[in-house]
Amino acid sequence: MSEEDPEKSVAGSLMSHLVELRDRVVRMVLSVLVMFMAMFYWANEIYVYLAEPLTRHLPEGASMIAIDVASPFLTPFKLVLMLAVFLSMPVILYQCWSFVAPGLYANEKRLPGPLLISSILLFYAGVAFAYYVVFPLVFGFFTCVGPEIVNISTDIGRYLDFVLALFFGFGLAFEVPIATIILIAIGFTTPKKLGEKRPYVIVGAFIIGMLLTPPDVISQVLLAFPMWVLFEAGLIASKIIFRDRNFDEEEDDEAEAEAESETTKDVADHEPLTDEEMEAELDQAETDESRLDKQ
């Protein structure tokens, strides 16, 4: 066998992976295009349905407006495109998983599959929670607190950007149980340690709620509270999933390792006495002993 054969084998393997990656990316794009073409005819109706939580709270005679010339076309187009990506997410994640799965061991394939399915369902649940629970409360609050002389006429493009940001924020926040399970699965922490960090988690949930939602207390609380509940759900699920793992023994081993490291450090810090220092210590001891004898 010549020396060039291993190089050709590596190049051929790399090329086959690139071809497979290209095919899977094409399938992802096709799934998005199919979803987009299937919904584009009803783009305006879909936007009307999306805007319903706001329009139901608008004063009588008020309506949404389009500031830009192309907004009546581009805004529903953008909505349908984002919705196509959103609905194609199971296919996209499946293609990603199928690409990396052959390189995993059998024990590594058991957990990611259920986690992918759970993450998709939780993201959808976060979006549904935002639309059916948060939007009516937020828009009802915004439309009734303004001065009476102000006519409410929301731009359709800015409204879409606003709701997409909320959808992303709530969908991402609902992934807290998955993040909790992954941290415990890789051994980064334990359920007991995470439970002890609960006060910090609650404060962090309100900070994230402040960053991902509009500047009002209602939406911030409506995001922070589910994140806390989902964090507790992630702790319970991790205890069930990893019930065969003895976290107490792992914590004891970590404590013993830390104690050994501290002892080793103390021993390393203690330097032995030199011959001169030893002789000085012996002379001092003899002097102290003779002084005691004289007394």
Protein backbone atom coordinates (compact mmCIF):
# COMPACT_ATOMS: atom_id res chain seq x y z
CA MET A 1 0.00 0.00 0.00
CA SER A 2 1.44 3.37 -0.99
CA GLU A 3 1.86 6.30 1.36
CA GLU A 4 -0.76 8.30 -0.56
CA ASP A 5 -3.57 5.84 0.17
CA PRO A 6 -4.26 7.04 3.77
CA GLU A 7 -4.39 10.63 2.54
CA LYS A 8 -6.80 9.66 -0.23
CA SER A 9 -8.92 7.77 2.30
CA VAL A 10 -9.12 10.81 4.59
CA ALA A 11 -9.91 13.10 1.66
CA GLY A 12 -12.60 10.69 0.44
CA SER A 13 -14.14 10.47 3.90
CA LEU A 14 -14.15 14.26 4.25
CA MET A 15 -15.73 14.64 0.82
CA SER A 16 -18.46 12.12 1.67
CA HIS A 17 -19.26 14.06 4.87
CA LEU A 18 -19.44 17.31 2.93
CA VAL A 19 -21.77 15.71 0.37
CA GLU A 20 -24.00 14.38 3.15
CA LEU A 21 -24.01 17.80 4.83
CA ARG A 22 -25.00 19.44 1.55
CA ASP A 23 -27.85 16.98 1.04
CA ARG A 24 -29.20 17.56 4.54
CA VAL A 25 -28.99 21.35 4.19
CA VAL A 26 -30.90 21.07 0.92
CA ARG A 27 -33.59 19.05 2.70
CA MET A 28 -33.84 21.71 5.41
CA VAL A 29 -34.22 24.47 2.83
CA LEU A 30 -36.78 22.46 0.87
CA SER A 31 -38.85 21.85 4.00
CA VAL A 32 -38.90 25.60 4.70
CA LEU A 33 -39.83 26.38 1.08
CA VAL A 34 -42.65 23.82 1.09
CA MET A 35 -44.08 25.29 4.30
CA PHE A 36 -43.69 28.81 2.92
CA MET A 37 -45.43 28.04 -0.39
CA ALA A 38 -48.25 26.25 1.43
CA MET A 39 -49.01 29.28 3.63
CA PHE A 40 -48.14 32.23 1.41
CA TYR A 41 -51.62 32.41 -0.15
CA TRP A 42 -53.09 33.01 3.30
CA ALA A 43 -50.37 35.44 4.45
CA ASN A 44 -52.79 38.30 5.10
CA GLU A 45 -55.20 36.08 7.03
CA ILE A 46 -52.34 34.74 9.13
CA TYR A 47 -51.24 38.28 9.96
CA VAL A 48 -54.78 39.24 10.95
CA TYR A 49 -54.85 36.25 13.30
CA LEU A 50 -51.46 37.26 14.76
CA ALA A 51 -52.64 40.84 15.32
CA GLU A 52 -55.92 39.82 16.96
CA PRO A 53 -54.61 40.15 20.57
CA LEU A 54 -53.89 43.83 19.81
CA THR A 55 -56.81 44.72 17.56
CA ARG A 56 -59.39 43.47 20.06
CA HIS A 57 -58.14 46.10 22.54
CA LEU A 58 -57.94 49.01 20.09
CA PRO A 59 -60.49 51.80 20.60
CA GLU A 60 -63.48 51.91 18.31
CA GLY A 61 -62.54 53.26 14.90
CA ALA A 62 -58.79 52.70 15.43
CA SER A 63 -56.78 50.38 13.18
CA MET A 64 -53.21 49.36 12.41
CA ILE A 65 -51.22 51.34 9.85
CA ALA A 66 -48.35 50.78 7.41
CA ILE A 67 -45.69 53.49 7.50
CA ASP A 68 -43.44 52.13 4.73
CA VAL A 69 -44.67 51.83 1.15
CA ALA A 70 -43.86 48.12 0.83
CA SER A 71 -44.97 47.14 4.34
CA PRO A 72 -48.41 45.79 3.30
CA PHE A 73 -46.58 43.14 1.22
CA LEU A 74 -43.26 42.65 2.99
CA THR A 75 -44.63 42.31 6.52
CA PRO A 76 -46.97 39.35 5.82
CA PHE A 77 -44.18 37.88 3.63
CA LYS A 78 -41.74 38.08 6.54
CA LEU A 79 -44.31 36.59 8.90
CA VAL A 80 -44.96 33.58 6.67
CA LEU A 81 -41.23 33.03 6.15
CA MET A 82 -40.56 33.06 9.91
CA LEU A 83 -43.56 30.80 10.47
CA ALA A 84 -42.24 28.38 7.83
CA VAL A 85 -38.89 28.17 9.63
CA PHE A 86 -40.72 27.76 12.93
CA LEU A 87 -42.91 24.90 11.67
CA SER A 88 -39.99 23.25 9.87
CA MET A 89 -37.91 23.13 13.04
CA PRO A 90 -38.60 19.42 13.70
CA VAL A 91 -37.27 18.57 10.22
CA ILE A 92 -34.27 20.87 10.65
CA LEU A 93 -33.33 19.41 14.02
CA TYR A 94 -33.89 15.86 12.74
CA GLN A 95 -31.49 16.48 9.85
CA CYS A 96 -28.90 17.91 12.25
CA TRP A 97 -29.30 14.93 14.56
CA SER A 98 -29.06 12.43 11.68
CA PHE A 99 -25.81 14.04 10.56
CA VAL A 100 -24.04 13.80 13.95
CA ALA A 101 -25.65 10.58 15.27
CA PRO A 102 -23.39 8.10 13.37
CA GLY A 103 -20.36 9.52 15.19
CA LEU A 104 -21.81 8.93 18.65
CA TYR A 105 -21.56 5.85 20.86
CA ALA A 106 -24.65 3.84 21.72
CA ASN A 107 -24.86 5.25 25.25
CA GLU A 108 -24.54 8.79 23.85
CA LYS A 109 -27.52 8.35 21.51
CA ARG A 110 -30.10 7.62 24.20
CA LEU A 111 -30.48 11.07 25.75
CA PRO A 112 -30.14 13.60 22.86
CA GLY A 113 -33.14 12.22 20.92
CA PRO A 114 -35.71 12.73 23.68
CA LEU A 115 -34.10 16.06 24.55
CA LEU A 116 -34.51 17.31 20.97
CA ILE A 117 -38.19 16.33 20.93
CA SER A 118 -38.74 17.88 24.35
CA SER A 119 -36.96 21.09 23.36
CA ILE A 120 -39.19 21.49 20.29
CA LEU A 121 -42.37 20.90 22.28
CA LEU A 122 -41.24 23.28 25.02
CA PHE A 123 -40.40 25.99 22.49
CA TYR A 124 -43.85 25.62 20.93
CA ALA A 125 -45.38 25.74 24.42
CA GLY A 126 -43.51 28.98 25.15
CA VAL A 127 -44.81 30.58 21.95
CA ALA A 128 -48.38 29.45 22.68
CA PHE A 129 -48.10 30.79 26.24
CA ALA A 130 -46.96 34.15 24.89
CA TYR A 131 -49.79 34.38 22.36
CA TYR A 132 -52.71 33.16 24.46
CA VAL A 133 -51.70 34.41 27.93
CA VAL A 134 -49.16 37.22 27.70
CA PHE A 135 -50.35 39.14 24.64
CA PRO A 136 -53.93 39.79 25.86
CA LEU A 137 -52.64 41.09 29.20
CA VAL A 138 -49.80 43.18 27.77
CA PHE A 139 -51.78 44.78 24.94
CA GLY A 140 -54.78 45.33 27.19
CA PHE A 141 -52.48 47.19 29.57
CA PHE A 142 -50.70 49.23 26.87
CA THR A 143 -53.89 50.38 25.15
CA CYS A 144 -55.58 51.64 28.31
CA VAL A 145 -52.79 53.55 30.09
CA GLY A 146 -52.08 56.18 27.44
CA PRO A 147 -53.49 59.72 27.45
CA GLU A 148 -56.97 60.12 26.00
CA ILE A 149 -55.74 62.55 23.35
CA VAL A 150 -53.44 59.88 21.83
CA ASN A 151 -54.84 57.86 18.93
CA ILE A 152 -53.41 54.34 18.96
CA SER A 153 -52.33 53.31 15.45
CA THR A 154 -49.63 50.66 15.57
CA ASP A 155 -47.41 50.07 12.54
CA ILE A 156 -47.75 46.52 11.21
CA GLY A 157 -43.98 46.09 10.77
CA ARG A 158 -43.12 47.21 14.29
CA TYR A 159 -45.88 45.05 15.71
CA LEU A 160 -44.44 42.01 13.94
CA ASP A 161 -40.94 42.72 15.26
CA PHE A 162 -42.38 43.15 18.75
CA VAL A 163 -44.27 39.86 18.80
CA LEU A 164 -41.40 37.92 17.19
CA ALA A 165 -39.08 39.15 19.95
CA LEU A 166 -41.58 38.00 22.56
CA PHE A 167 -42.05 34.64 20.83
CA PHE A 168 -38.29 34.09 20.81
CA GLY A 169 -37.93 35.19 24.43
CA PHE A 170 -40.68 32.95 25.76
CA GLY A 171 -39.69 30.03 23.55
CA LEU A 172 -36.11 30.29 24.78
CA ALA A 173 -37.20 30.68 28.40
CA PHE A 174 -39.22 27.48 28.21
CA GLU A 175 -35.99 25.59 27.44
CA VAL A 176 -34.88 25.91 31.07
CA PRO A 177 -35.66 22.23 31.94
CA ILE A 178 -33.56 21.05 28.99
CA ALA A 179 -30.63 23.23 30.08
CA THR A 180 -30.97 21.91 33.64
CA ILE A 181 -30.94 18.28 32.50
CA ILE A 182 -27.94 18.85 30.21
CA LEU A 183 -25.90 20.49 32.99
CA ILE A 184 -26.56 17.52 35.25
CA ALA A 185 -26.03 14.95 32.48
CA ILE A 186 -22.52 16.21 31.68
CA GLY A 187 -21.60 16.19 35.37
CA PHE A 188 -21.25 19.96 35.65
CA THR A 189 -23.46 20.02 38.74
CA THR A 190 -25.97 17.95 40.74
CA PRO A 191 -29.65 18.42 41.59
CA LYS A 192 -28.73 19.17 45.21
CA LYS A 193 -26.28 21.92 44.23
CA LEU A 194 -28.74 23.43 41.77
CA GLY A 195 -31.44 23.39 44.44
CA GLU A 196 -29.15 25.34 46.74
CA LYS A 197 -28.77 28.00 44.02
CA ARG A 198 -32.54 28.53 43.84
CA PRO A 199 -32.48 32.16 45.12
CA TYR A 200 -29.96 33.09 42.44
CA VAL A 201 -32.04 31.32 39.80
CA ILE A 202 -35.15 33.31 40.78
CA VAL A 203 -33.25 36.61 40.62
CA GLY A 204 -31.74 35.59 37.28
CA ALA A 205 -35.20 34.72 35.93
CA PHE A 206 -36.44 38.23 36.69
CA ILE A 207 -33.33 39.75 35.12
CA ILE A 208 -33.84 37.68 31.96
CA GLY A 209 -37.51 38.64 31.99
CA MET A 210 -36.49 42.28 32.15
CA LEU A 211 -34.11 41.91 29.19
CA LEU A 212 -36.31 39.81 26.91
CA THR A 213 -39.67 41.51 27.44
CA PRO A 214 -41.00 45.06 27.02
CA PRO A 215 -40.40 47.51 29.89
CA ASP A 216 -43.49 46.59 31.89
CA VAL A 217 -43.88 44.57 35.06
CA ILE A 218 -46.66 42.32 33.71
CA SER A 219 -44.68 40.68 30.91
CA GLN A 220 -41.56 40.47 33.08
CA VAL A 221 -43.41 38.54 35.81
CA LEU A 222 -45.22 36.40 33.24
CA LEU A 223 -41.83 35.32 31.87
CA ALA A 224 -39.92 35.01 35.16
CA PHE A 225 -42.52 32.92 36.97
CA PRO A 226 -42.74 30.15 34.31
CA MET A 227 -38.94 30.05 34.16
CA TRP A 228 -38.80 29.37 37.89
CA VAL A 229 -41.51 26.71 37.65
CA LEU A 230 -39.74 25.08 34.71
CA PHE A 231 -36.46 25.14 36.63
CA GLU A 232 -38.13 23.17 39.42
CA ALA A 233 -39.58 20.81 36.82
CA GLY A 234 -36.09 20.31 35.38
CA LEU A 235 -34.75 19.39 38.82
CA ILE A 236 -37.51 16.84 39.35
CA ALA A 237 -37.04 15.39 35.85
CA SER A 238 -33.26 15.13 36.31
CA LYS A 239 -33.73 13.21 39.57
CA ILE A 240 -36.01 10.77 37.75
CA ILE A 241 -33.84 10.42 34.65
CA PHE A 242 -30.58 10.01 36.59
CA ARG A 243 -32.01 8.07 39.53
CA ASP A 244 -29.37 5.36 39.02
CA ARG A 245 -26.60 7.88 39.59
CA ASN A 246 -25.55 8.36 43.21
CA PHE A 247 -25.05 12.10 43.45
CA ASP A 248 -24.21 11.90 47.19
CA GLU A 249 -21.19 9.70 46.52
CA GLU A 250 -20.06 12.05 43.74
CA GLU A 251 -20.29 15.01 46.10
CA ASP A 252 -18.36 13.09 48.77
CA ASP A 253 -15.67 12.22 46.23
CA GLU A 254 -15.44 15.87 45.21
CA ALA A 255 -15.16 16.92 48.86
CA GLU A 256 -12.44 14.32 49.47
CA ALA A 257 -10.59 15.46 46.37
CA GLU A 258 -10.75 19.07 47.53
CA ALA A 259 -9.52 18.07 50.99
CA GLU A 260 -6.63 16.10 49.50
CA SER A 261 -5.71 19.00 47.27
CA GLU A 262 -5.70 21.35 50.28
CA THR A 263 -3.52 18.92 52.23
CA THR A 264 -1.14 18.54 49.31
CA LYS A 265 -0.97 22.30 48.99
CA ASP A 266 -0.17 22.70 52.69
CA VAL A 267 2.57 20.07 52.48
CA ALA A 268 3.95 21.73 49.36
CA ASP A 269 3.94 25.12 51.07
CA HIS A 270 5.91 23.72 54.07
CA GLU A 271 9.59 23.89 53.18
CA PRO A 272 12.12 21.72 55.15
CA LEU A 273 14.66 23.46 57.40
CA THR A 274 18.21 23.89 56.24
CA ASP A 275 21.18 22.55 58.24
CA GLU A 276 21.97 26.00 59.61
CA GLU A 277 18.37 26.55 60.72
CA MET A 278 18.33 23.09 62.31
CA GLU A 279 21.54 23.82 64.29
CA ALA A 280 20.09 27.17 65.40
CA GLU A 281 16.95 25.43 66.61
CA LEU A 282 19.02 22.85 68.56
CA ASP A 283 21.18 25.57 70.15
CA GLN A 284 18.06 27.47 71.19
CA ALA A 285 16.60 24.31 72.69
CA GLU A 286 19.81 23.60 74.68
CA THR A 287 19.91 27.21 75.92
CA ASP A 288 16.28 27.00 77.09
CA GLU A 289 16.96 23.66 78.82
CA SER A 290 20.06 24.96 80.68
CA ARG A 291 18.13 28.03 81.80
CA LEU A 292 15.38 25.83 83.22
CA ASP A 293 17.96 23.69 85.08
CA LYS A 294 19.47 26.77 86.75
CA GLN A 295 16.03 27.85 87.95
